mmCIF file of all heavy atoms, coordinates in Angstrom:
data_MODEL
# 
_entry.id   MODEL 
# 
loop_
_atom_site.group_PDB 
_atom_site.id 
_atom_site.type_symbol 
_atom_site.label_atom_id 
_atom_site.label_alt_id 
_atom_site.label_comp_id 
_atom_site.label_asym_id 
_atom_site.label_entity_id 
_atom_site.label_seq_id 
_atom_site.pdbx_PDB_ins_code 
_atom_site.Cartn_x 
_atom_site.Cartn_y 
_atom_site.Cartn_z 
_atom_site.occupancy 
_atom_site.B_iso_or_equiv 
_atom_site.pdbx_formal_charge 
_atom_site.auth_seq_id 
_atom_site.auth_comp_id 
_atom_site.auth_asym_id 
_atom_site.auth_atom_id 
_atom_site.pdbx_PDB_model_num 
ATOM 1   N N   . LEU A 1 1  ? -2.590  2.348  -2.773 1.00 0.00 ? 1  LEU A N   1 
ATOM 2   C CA  . LEU A 1 1  ? -1.545  3.368  -2.903 1.00 0.00 ? 1  LEU A CA  1 
ATOM 3   C C   . LEU A 1 1  ? -2.031  4.583  -3.683 1.00 0.00 ? 1  LEU A C   1 
ATOM 4   O O   . LEU A 1 1  ? -1.690  5.719  -3.362 1.00 0.00 ? 1  LEU A O   1 
ATOM 5   C CB  . LEU A 1 1  ? -0.335  2.786  -3.631 1.00 0.00 ? 1  LEU A CB  1 
ATOM 6   C CG  . LEU A 1 1  ? 0.695   2.062  -2.812 1.00 0.00 ? 1  LEU A CG  1 
ATOM 7   C CD1 . LEU A 1 1  ? 1.736   1.419  -3.724 1.00 0.00 ? 1  LEU A CD1 1 
ATOM 8   C CD2 . LEU A 1 1  ? 1.370   3.000  -1.839 1.00 0.00 ? 1  LEU A CD2 1 
ATOM 9   N N   . GLN A 1 2  ? -2.813  4.343  -4.711 1.00 0.00 ? 2  GLN A N   1 
ATOM 10  C CA  . GLN A 1 2  ? -3.201  5.435  -5.604 1.00 0.00 ? 2  GLN A CA  1 
ATOM 11  C C   . GLN A 1 2  ? -4.434  6.205  -5.148 1.00 0.00 ? 2  GLN A C   1 
ATOM 12  O O   . GLN A 1 2  ? -4.575  7.390  -5.463 1.00 0.00 ? 2  GLN A O   1 
ATOM 13  C CB  . GLN A 1 2  ? -3.410  4.882  -7.014 1.00 0.00 ? 2  GLN A CB  1 
ATOM 14  C CG  . GLN A 1 2  ? -2.116  4.362  -7.627 1.00 0.00 ? 2  GLN A CG  1 
ATOM 15  C CD  . GLN A 1 2  ? -2.300  3.836  -9.024 1.00 0.00 ? 2  GLN A CD  1 
ATOM 16  O OE1 . GLN A 1 2  ? -3.053  4.402  -9.812 1.00 0.00 ? 2  GLN A OE1 1 
ATOM 17  N NE2 . GLN A 1 2  ? -1.609  2.753  -9.348 1.00 0.00 ? 2  GLN A NE2 1 
ATOM 18  N N   . PHE A 1 3  ? -5.330  5.560  -4.403 1.00 0.00 ? 3  PHE A N   1 
ATOM 19  C CA  . PHE A 1 3  ? -6.570  6.211  -3.998 1.00 0.00 ? 3  PHE A CA  1 
ATOM 20  C C   . PHE A 1 3  ? -6.359  7.553  -3.286 1.00 0.00 ? 3  PHE A C   1 
ATOM 21  O O   . PHE A 1 3  ? -6.986  8.551  -3.652 1.00 0.00 ? 3  PHE A O   1 
ATOM 22  C CB  . PHE A 1 3  ? -7.419  5.273  -3.132 1.00 0.00 ? 3  PHE A CB  1 
ATOM 23  C CG  . PHE A 1 3  ? -8.626  5.940  -2.554 1.00 0.00 ? 3  PHE A CG  1 
ATOM 24  C CD1 . PHE A 1 3  ? -9.671  6.341  -3.372 1.00 0.00 ? 3  PHE A CD1 1 
ATOM 25  C CD2 . PHE A 1 3  ? -8.717  6.190  -1.198 1.00 0.00 ? 3  PHE A CD2 1 
ATOM 26  C CE1 . PHE A 1 3  ? -10.795 6.970  -2.850 1.00 0.00 ? 3  PHE A CE1 1 
ATOM 27  C CE2 . PHE A 1 3  ? -9.824  6.814  -0.656 1.00 0.00 ? 3  PHE A CE2 1 
ATOM 28  C CZ  . PHE A 1 3  ? -10.867 7.201  -1.483 1.00 0.00 ? 3  PHE A CZ  1 
ATOM 29  N N   . PRO A 1 4  ? -5.485  7.632  -2.272 1.00 0.00 ? 4  PRO A N   1 
ATOM 30  C CA  . PRO A 1 4  ? -5.351  8.916  -1.572 1.00 0.00 ? 4  PRO A CA  1 
ATOM 31  C C   . PRO A 1 4  ? -4.885  10.053 -2.472 1.00 0.00 ? 4  PRO A C   1 
ATOM 32  O O   . PRO A 1 4  ? -5.158  11.222 -2.199 1.00 0.00 ? 4  PRO A O   1 
ATOM 33  C CB  . PRO A 1 4  ? -4.305  8.651  -0.484 1.00 0.00 ? 4  PRO A CB  1 
ATOM 34  C CG  . PRO A 1 4  ? -4.121  7.192  -0.427 1.00 0.00 ? 4  PRO A CG  1 
ATOM 35  C CD  . PRO A 1 4  ? -4.614  6.614  -1.704 1.00 0.00 ? 4  PRO A CD  1 
ATOM 36  N N   . LEU A 1 5  ? -4.190  9.724  -3.547 1.00 0.00 ? 5  LEU A N   1 
ATOM 37  C CA  . LEU A 1 5  ? -3.668  10.758 -4.441 1.00 0.00 ? 5  LEU A CA  1 
ATOM 38  C C   . LEU A 1 5  ? -4.767  11.447 -5.243 1.00 0.00 ? 5  LEU A C   1 
ATOM 39  O O   . LEU A 1 5  ? -4.516  12.450 -5.908 1.00 0.00 ? 5  LEU A O   1 
ATOM 40  C CB  . LEU A 1 5  ? -2.598  10.167 -5.361 1.00 0.00 ? 5  LEU A CB  1 
ATOM 41  C CG  . LEU A 1 5  ? -1.354  9.673  -4.618 1.00 0.00 ? 5  LEU A CG  1 
ATOM 42  C CD1 . LEU A 1 5  ? -0.438  8.902  -5.561 1.00 0.00 ? 5  LEU A CD1 1 
ATOM 43  C CD2 . LEU A 1 5  ? -0.619  10.826 -3.955 1.00 0.00 ? 5  LEU A CD2 1 
ATOM 44  N N   . GLY A 1 6  ? -5.990  10.934 -5.163 1.00 0.00 ? 6  GLY A N   1 
ATOM 45  C CA  . GLY A 1 6  ? -7.117  11.600 -5.808 1.00 0.00 ? 6  GLY A CA  1 
ATOM 46  C C   . GLY A 1 6  ? -7.559  12.837 -5.065 1.00 0.00 ? 6  GLY A C   1 
ATOM 47  O O   . GLY A 1 6  ? -8.212  13.716 -5.630 1.00 0.00 ? 6  GLY A O   1 
ATOM 48  N N   . HIS A 1 7  ? -7.206  12.935 -3.792 1.00 0.00 ? 7  HIS A N   1 
ATOM 49  C CA  . HIS A 1 7  ? -7.596  14.098 -3.007 1.00 0.00 ? 7  HIS A CA  1 
ATOM 50  C C   . HIS A 1 7  ? -6.591  15.223 -3.245 1.00 0.00 ? 7  HIS A C   1 
ATOM 51  O O   . HIS A 1 7  ? -5.383  14.999 -3.195 1.00 0.00 ? 7  HIS A O   1 
ATOM 52  C CB  . HIS A 1 7  ? -7.643  13.746 -1.517 1.00 0.00 ? 7  HIS A CB  1 
ATOM 53  C CG  . HIS A 1 7  ? -8.355  14.775 -0.722 1.00 0.00 ? 7  HIS A CG  1 
ATOM 54  N ND1 . HIS A 1 7  ? -7.786  15.995 -0.402 1.00 0.00 ? 7  HIS A ND1 1 
ATOM 55  C CD2 . HIS A 1 7  ? -9.597  14.777 -0.203 1.00 0.00 ? 7  HIS A CD2 1 
ATOM 56  C CE1 . HIS A 1 7  ? -8.651  16.703 0.292  1.00 0.00 ? 7  HIS A CE1 1 
ATOM 57  N NE2 . HIS A 1 7  ? -9.753  15.990 0.431  1.00 0.00 ? 7  HIS A NE2 1 
ATOM 58  N N   . PRO A 1 8  ? -7.068  16.424 -3.504 1.00 0.00 ? 8  PRO A N   1 
ATOM 59  C CA  . PRO A 1 8  ? -6.144  17.522 -3.829 1.00 0.00 ? 8  PRO A CA  1 
ATOM 60  C C   . PRO A 1 8  ? -5.182  17.881 -2.696 1.00 0.00 ? 8  PRO A C   1 
ATOM 61  O O   . PRO A 1 8  ? -4.133  18.474 -2.954 1.00 0.00 ? 8  PRO A O   1 
ATOM 62  C CB  . PRO A 1 8  ? -7.070  18.694 -4.162 1.00 0.00 ? 8  PRO A CB  1 
ATOM 63  C CG  . PRO A 1 8  ? -8.398  18.340 -3.598 1.00 0.00 ? 8  PRO A CG  1 
ATOM 64  C CD  . PRO A 1 8  ? -8.467  16.843 -3.549 1.00 0.00 ? 8  PRO A CD  1 
ATOM 65  N N   . ALA A 1 9  ? -5.489  17.528 -1.458 1.00 0.00 ? 9  ALA A N   1 
ATOM 66  C CA  . ALA A 1 9  ? -4.599  17.860 -0.339 1.00 0.00 ? 9  ALA A CA  1 
ATOM 67  C C   . ALA A 1 9  ? -3.471  16.849 -0.172 1.00 0.00 ? 9  ALA A C   1 
ATOM 68  O O   . ALA A 1 9  ? -2.528  17.093 0.565  1.00 0.00 ? 9  ALA A O   1 
ATOM 69  C CB  . ALA A 1 9  ? -5.397  17.935 0.961  1.00 0.00 ? 9  ALA A CB  1 
ATOM 70  N N   . VAL A 1 10 ? -3.570  15.721 -0.864 1.00 0.00 ? 10 VAL A N   1 
ATOM 71  C CA  . VAL A 1 10 ? -2.570  14.666 -0.699 1.00 0.00 ? 10 VAL A CA  1 
ATOM 72  C C   . VAL A 1 10 ? -1.595  14.698 -1.872 1.00 0.00 ? 10 VAL A C   1 
ATOM 73  O O   . VAL A 1 10 ? -1.989  14.570 -3.025 1.00 0.00 ? 10 VAL A O   1 
ATOM 74  C CB  . VAL A 1 10 ? -3.235  13.269 -0.606 1.00 0.00 ? 10 VAL A CB  1 
ATOM 75  C CG1 . VAL A 1 10 ? -2.189  12.165 -0.531 1.00 0.00 ? 10 VAL A CG1 1 
ATOM 76  C CG2 . VAL A 1 10 ? -4.169  13.198 0.584  1.00 0.00 ? 10 VAL A CG2 1 
ATOM 77  N N   . VAL A 1 11 ? -0.329  14.863 -1.556 1.00 0.00 ? 11 VAL A N   1 
ATOM 78  C CA  . VAL A 1 11 ? 0.700   14.874 -2.593 1.00 0.00 ? 11 VAL A CA  1 
ATOM 79  C C   . VAL A 1 11 ? 1.707   13.747 -2.412 1.00 0.00 ? 11 VAL A C   1 
ATOM 80  O O   . VAL A 1 11 ? 2.530   13.498 -3.284 1.00 0.00 ? 11 VAL A O   1 
ATOM 81  C CB  . VAL A 1 11 ? 1.447   16.232 -2.665 1.00 0.00 ? 11 VAL A CB  1 
ATOM 82  C CG1 . VAL A 1 11 ? 0.482   17.342 -3.072 1.00 0.00 ? 11 VAL A CG1 1 
ATOM 83  C CG2 . VAL A 1 11 ? 2.116   16.553 -1.354 1.00 0.00 ? 11 VAL A CG2 1 
ATOM 84  N N   . THR A 1 12 ? 1.627   13.056 -1.262 1.00 0.00 ? 12 THR A N   1 
ATOM 85  C CA  . THR A 1 12 ? 2.574   11.993 -0.961 1.00 0.00 ? 12 THR A CA  1 
ATOM 86  C C   . THR A 1 12 ? 1.855   10.864 -0.236 1.00 0.00 ? 12 THR A C   1 
ATOM 87  O O   . THR A 1 12 ? 1.015   11.119 0.627  1.00 0.00 ? 12 THR A O   1 
ATOM 88  C CB  . THR A 1 12 ? 3.701   12.518 -0.039 1.00 0.00 ? 12 THR A CB  1 
ATOM 89  O OG1 . THR A 1 12 ? 4.354   13.598 -0.691 1.00 0.00 ? 12 THR A OG1 1 
ATOM 90  C CG2 . THR A 1 12 ? 4.707   11.439 0.282  1.00 0.00 ? 12 THR A CG2 1 
ATOM 91  N N   . VAL A 1 13 ? 2.208   9.636  -0.586 1.00 0.00 ? 13 VAL A N   1 
ATOM 92  C CA  . VAL A 1 13 ? 1.724   8.459  0.122  1.00 0.00 ? 13 VAL A CA  1 
ATOM 93  C C   . VAL A 1 13 ? 2.939   7.782  0.749  1.00 0.00 ? 13 VAL A C   1 
ATOM 94  O O   . VAL A 1 13 ? 3.939   7.553  0.074  1.00 0.00 ? 13 VAL A O   1 
ATOM 95  C CB  . VAL A 1 13 ? 0.983   7.486  -0.825 1.00 0.00 ? 13 VAL A CB  1 
ATOM 96  C CG1 . VAL A 1 13 ? 0.594   6.205  -0.096 1.00 0.00 ? 13 VAL A CG1 1 
ATOM 97  C CG2 . VAL A 1 13 ? -0.255  8.152  -1.407 1.00 0.00 ? 13 VAL A CG2 1 
ATOM 98  N N   . VAL A 1 14 ? 2.846   7.507  2.040  1.00 0.00 ? 14 VAL A N   1 
ATOM 99  C CA  . VAL A 1 14 ? 3.959   6.925  2.778  1.00 0.00 ? 14 VAL A CA  1 
ATOM 100 C C   . VAL A 1 14 ? 3.686   5.441  3.015  1.00 0.00 ? 14 VAL A C   1 
ATOM 101 O O   . VAL A 1 14 ? 2.622   5.082  3.537  1.00 0.00 ? 14 VAL A O   1 
ATOM 102 C CB  . VAL A 1 14 ? 4.147   7.636  4.138  1.00 0.00 ? 14 VAL A CB  1 
ATOM 103 C CG1 . VAL A 1 14 ? 5.299   7.019  4.912  1.00 0.00 ? 14 VAL A CG1 1 
ATOM 104 C CG2 . VAL A 1 14 ? 4.355   9.120  3.940  1.00 0.00 ? 14 VAL A CG2 1 
ATOM 105 N N   . VAL A 1 15 ? 4.622   4.602  2.608  1.00 0.00 ? 15 VAL A N   1 
ATOM 106 C CA  . VAL A 1 15 ? 4.538   3.168  2.904  1.00 0.00 ? 15 VAL A CA  1 
ATOM 107 C C   . VAL A 1 15 ? 5.863   2.733  3.514  1.00 0.00 ? 15 VAL A C   1 
ATOM 108 O O   . VAL A 1 15 ? 6.910   3.324  3.246  1.00 0.00 ? 15 VAL A O   1 
ATOM 109 C CB  . VAL A 1 15 ? 4.228   2.319  1.653  1.00 0.00 ? 15 VAL A CB  1 
ATOM 110 C CG1 . VAL A 1 15 ? 2.849   2.639  1.107  1.00 0.00 ? 15 VAL A CG1 1 
ATOM 111 C CG2 . VAL A 1 15 ? 5.270   2.512  0.578  1.00 0.00 ? 15 VAL A CG2 1 
ATOM 112 N N   . GLY A 1 16 ? 5.812   1.717  4.312  1.00 0.00 ? 16 GLY A N   1 
ATOM 113 C CA  . GLY A 1 16 ? 7.027   1.180  4.905  1.00 0.00 ? 16 GLY A CA  1 
ATOM 114 C C   . GLY A 1 16 ? 7.605   0.090  4.026  1.00 0.00 ? 16 GLY A C   1 
ATOM 115 O O   . GLY A 1 16 ? 6.937   -0.447 3.150  1.00 0.00 ? 16 GLY A O   1 
ATOM 116 N N   . ALA A 1 17 ? 8.853   -0.225 4.282  1.00 0.00 ? 17 ALA A N   1 
ATOM 117 C CA  . ALA A 1 17 ? 9.516   -1.313 3.556  1.00 0.00 ? 17 ALA A CA  1 
ATOM 118 C C   . ALA A 1 17 ? 10.502  -1.979 4.499  1.00 0.00 ? 17 ALA A C   1 
ATOM 119 O O   . ALA A 1 17 ? 11.213  -1.301 5.246  1.00 0.00 ? 17 ALA A O   1 
ATOM 120 C CB  . ALA A 1 17 ? 10.240  -0.779 2.324  1.00 0.00 ? 17 ALA A CB  1 
ATOM 121 N N   . ARG A 1 18 ? 10.502  -3.297 4.481  1.00 0.00 ? 18 ARG A N   1 
ATOM 122 C CA  . ARG A 1 18 ? 11.445  -4.046 5.305  1.00 0.00 ? 18 ARG A CA  1 
ATOM 123 C C   . ARG A 1 18 ? 12.659  -4.497 4.507  1.00 0.00 ? 18 ARG A C   1 
ATOM 124 O O   . ARG A 1 18 ? 13.654  -4.907 5.074  1.00 0.00 ? 18 ARG A O   1 
ATOM 125 C CB  . ARG A 1 18 ? 10.752  -5.266 5.909  1.00 0.00 ? 18 ARG A CB  1 
ATOM 126 C CG  . ARG A 1 18 ? 9.757   -4.899 6.996  1.00 0.00 ? 18 ARG A CG  1 
ATOM 127 C CD  . ARG A 1 18 ? 9.037   -6.110 7.442  1.00 0.00 ? 18 ARG A CD  1 
ATOM 128 N NE  . ARG A 1 18 ? 7.917   -6.240 6.517  1.00 0.00 ? 18 ARG A NE  1 
ATOM 129 C CZ  . ARG A 1 18 ? 6.839   -6.954 6.710  1.00 0.00 ? 18 ARG A CZ  1 
ATOM 130 N NH1 . ARG A 1 18 ? 6.745   -7.684 7.775  1.00 0.00 ? 18 ARG A NH1 1 
ATOM 131 N NH2 . ARG A 1 18 ? 5.876   -6.981 5.845  1.00 0.00 ? 18 ARG A NH2 1 
ATOM 132 N N   . ALA A 1 19 ? 12.535  -4.446 3.189  1.00 0.00 ? 19 ALA A N   1 
ATOM 133 C CA  . ALA A 1 19 ? 13.623  -4.912 2.328  1.00 0.00 ? 19 ALA A CA  1 
ATOM 134 C C   . ALA A 1 19 ? 13.611  -4.079 1.050  1.00 0.00 ? 19 ALA A C   1 
ATOM 135 O O   . ALA A 1 19 ? 12.563  -3.555 0.645  1.00 0.00 ? 19 ALA A O   1 
ATOM 136 C CB  . ALA A 1 19 ? 13.433  -6.393 1.989  1.00 0.00 ? 19 ALA A CB  1 
ATOM 137 N N   . PRO A 1 20 ? 14.767  -3.948 0.393  1.00 0.00 ? 20 PRO A N   1 
ATOM 138 C CA  . PRO A 1 20 ? 14.853  -3.129 -0.823 1.00 0.00 ? 20 PRO A CA  1 
ATOM 139 C C   . PRO A 1 20 ? 13.854  -3.527 -1.906 1.00 0.00 ? 20 PRO A C   1 
ATOM 140 O O   . PRO A 1 20 ? 13.302  -2.652 -2.584 1.00 0.00 ? 20 PRO A O   1 
ATOM 141 C CB  . PRO A 1 20 ? 16.292  -3.337 -1.290 1.00 0.00 ? 20 PRO A CB  1 
ATOM 142 C CG  . PRO A 1 20 ? 17.047  -3.650 -0.040 1.00 0.00 ? 20 PRO A CG  1 
ATOM 143 C CD  . PRO A 1 20 ? 16.089  -4.449 0.808  1.00 0.00 ? 20 PRO A CD  1 
ATOM 144 N N   . HIS A 1 21 ? 13.575  -4.823 -2.053 1.00 0.00 ? 21 HIS A N   1 
ATOM 145 C CA  . HIS A 1 21 ? 12.644  -5.228 -3.117 1.00 0.00 ? 21 HIS A CA  1 
ATOM 146 C C   . HIS A 1 21 ? 11.231  -4.691 -2.871 1.00 0.00 ? 21 HIS A C   1 
ATOM 147 O O   . HIS A 1 21 ? 10.467  -4.484 -3.816 1.00 0.00 ? 21 HIS A O   1 
ATOM 148 C CB  . HIS A 1 21 ? 12.627  -6.754 -3.280 1.00 0.00 ? 21 HIS A CB  1 
ATOM 149 C CG  . HIS A 1 21 ? 11.870  -7.479 -2.206 1.00 0.00 ? 21 HIS A CG  1 
ATOM 150 N ND1 . HIS A 1 21 ? 12.442  -7.847 -1.014 1.00 0.00 ? 21 HIS A ND1 1 
ATOM 151 C CD2 . HIS A 1 21 ? 10.583  -7.883 -2.160 1.00 0.00 ? 21 HIS A CD2 1 
ATOM 152 C CE1 . HIS A 1 21 ? 11.538  -8.459 -0.268 1.00 0.00 ? 21 HIS A CE1 1 
ATOM 153 N NE2 . HIS A 1 21 ? 10.404  -8.483 -0.933 1.00 0.00 ? 21 HIS A NE2 1 
ATOM 154 N N   . GLU A 1 22 ? 10.877  -4.418 -1.617 1.00 0.00 ? 22 GLU A N   1 
ATOM 155 C CA  . GLU A 1 22 ? 9.556   -3.871 -1.335 1.00 0.00 ? 22 GLU A CA  1 
ATOM 156 C C   . GLU A 1 22 ? 9.426   -2.434 -1.842 1.00 0.00 ? 22 GLU A C   1 
ATOM 157 O O   . GLU A 1 22 ? 8.330   -2.002 -2.197 1.00 0.00 ? 22 GLU A O   1 
ATOM 158 C CB  . GLU A 1 22 ? 9.255   -3.949 0.156  1.00 0.00 ? 22 GLU A CB  1 
ATOM 159 C CG  . GLU A 1 22 ? 9.059   -5.378 0.628  1.00 0.00 ? 22 GLU A CG  1 
ATOM 160 C CD  . GLU A 1 22 ? 8.765   -5.468 2.111  1.00 0.00 ? 22 GLU A CD  1 
ATOM 161 O OE1 . GLU A 1 22 ? 8.951   -4.472 2.842  1.00 0.00 ? 22 GLU A OE1 1 
ATOM 162 O OE2 . GLU A 1 22 ? 8.354   -6.558 2.550  1.00 0.00 ? 22 GLU A OE2 1 
ATOM 163 N N   . ILE A 1 23 ? 10.518  -1.719 -1.909 1.00 0.00 ? 23 ILE A N   1 
ATOM 164 C CA  . ILE A 1 23 ? 10.499  -0.361 -2.469 1.00 0.00 ? 23 ILE A CA  1 
ATOM 165 C C   . ILE A 1 23 ? 10.192  -0.429 -3.965 1.00 0.00 ? 23 ILE A C   1 
ATOM 166 O O   . ILE A 1 23 ? 9.358   0.311  -4.475 1.00 0.00 ? 23 ILE A O   1 
ATOM 167 C CB  . ILE A 1 23 ? 11.833  0.358  -2.204 1.00 0.00 ? 23 ILE A CB  1 
ATOM 168 C CG1 . ILE A 1 23 ? 12.024  0.544  -0.701 1.00 0.00 ? 23 ILE A CG1 1 
ATOM 169 C CG2 . ILE A 1 23 ? 11.894  1.698  -2.942 1.00 0.00 ? 23 ILE A CG2 1 
ATOM 170 C CD1 . ILE A 1 23 ? 13.402  0.980  -0.289 1.00 0.00 ? 23 ILE A CD1 1 
ATOM 171 N N   . ALA A 1 24 ? 10.843  -1.366 -4.648 1.00 0.00 ? 24 ALA A N   1 
ATOM 172 C CA  . ALA A 1 24 ? 10.594  -1.552 -6.082 1.00 0.00 ? 24 ALA A CA  1 
ATOM 173 C C   . ALA A 1 24 ? 9.150   -2.014 -6.320 1.00 0.00 ? 24 ALA A C   1 
ATOM 174 O O   . ALA A 1 24 ? 8.495   -1.567 -7.271 1.00 0.00 ? 24 ALA A O   1 
ATOM 175 C CB  . ALA A 1 24 ? 11.585  -2.553 -6.664 1.00 0.00 ? 24 ALA A CB  1 
# 
């Protein structure tokens, strides 16, 4: 999750979630 945020062009990482606990 954190690796792409090292690149200056990346400001958001998108992940999916099937249930609310996955967001947490």
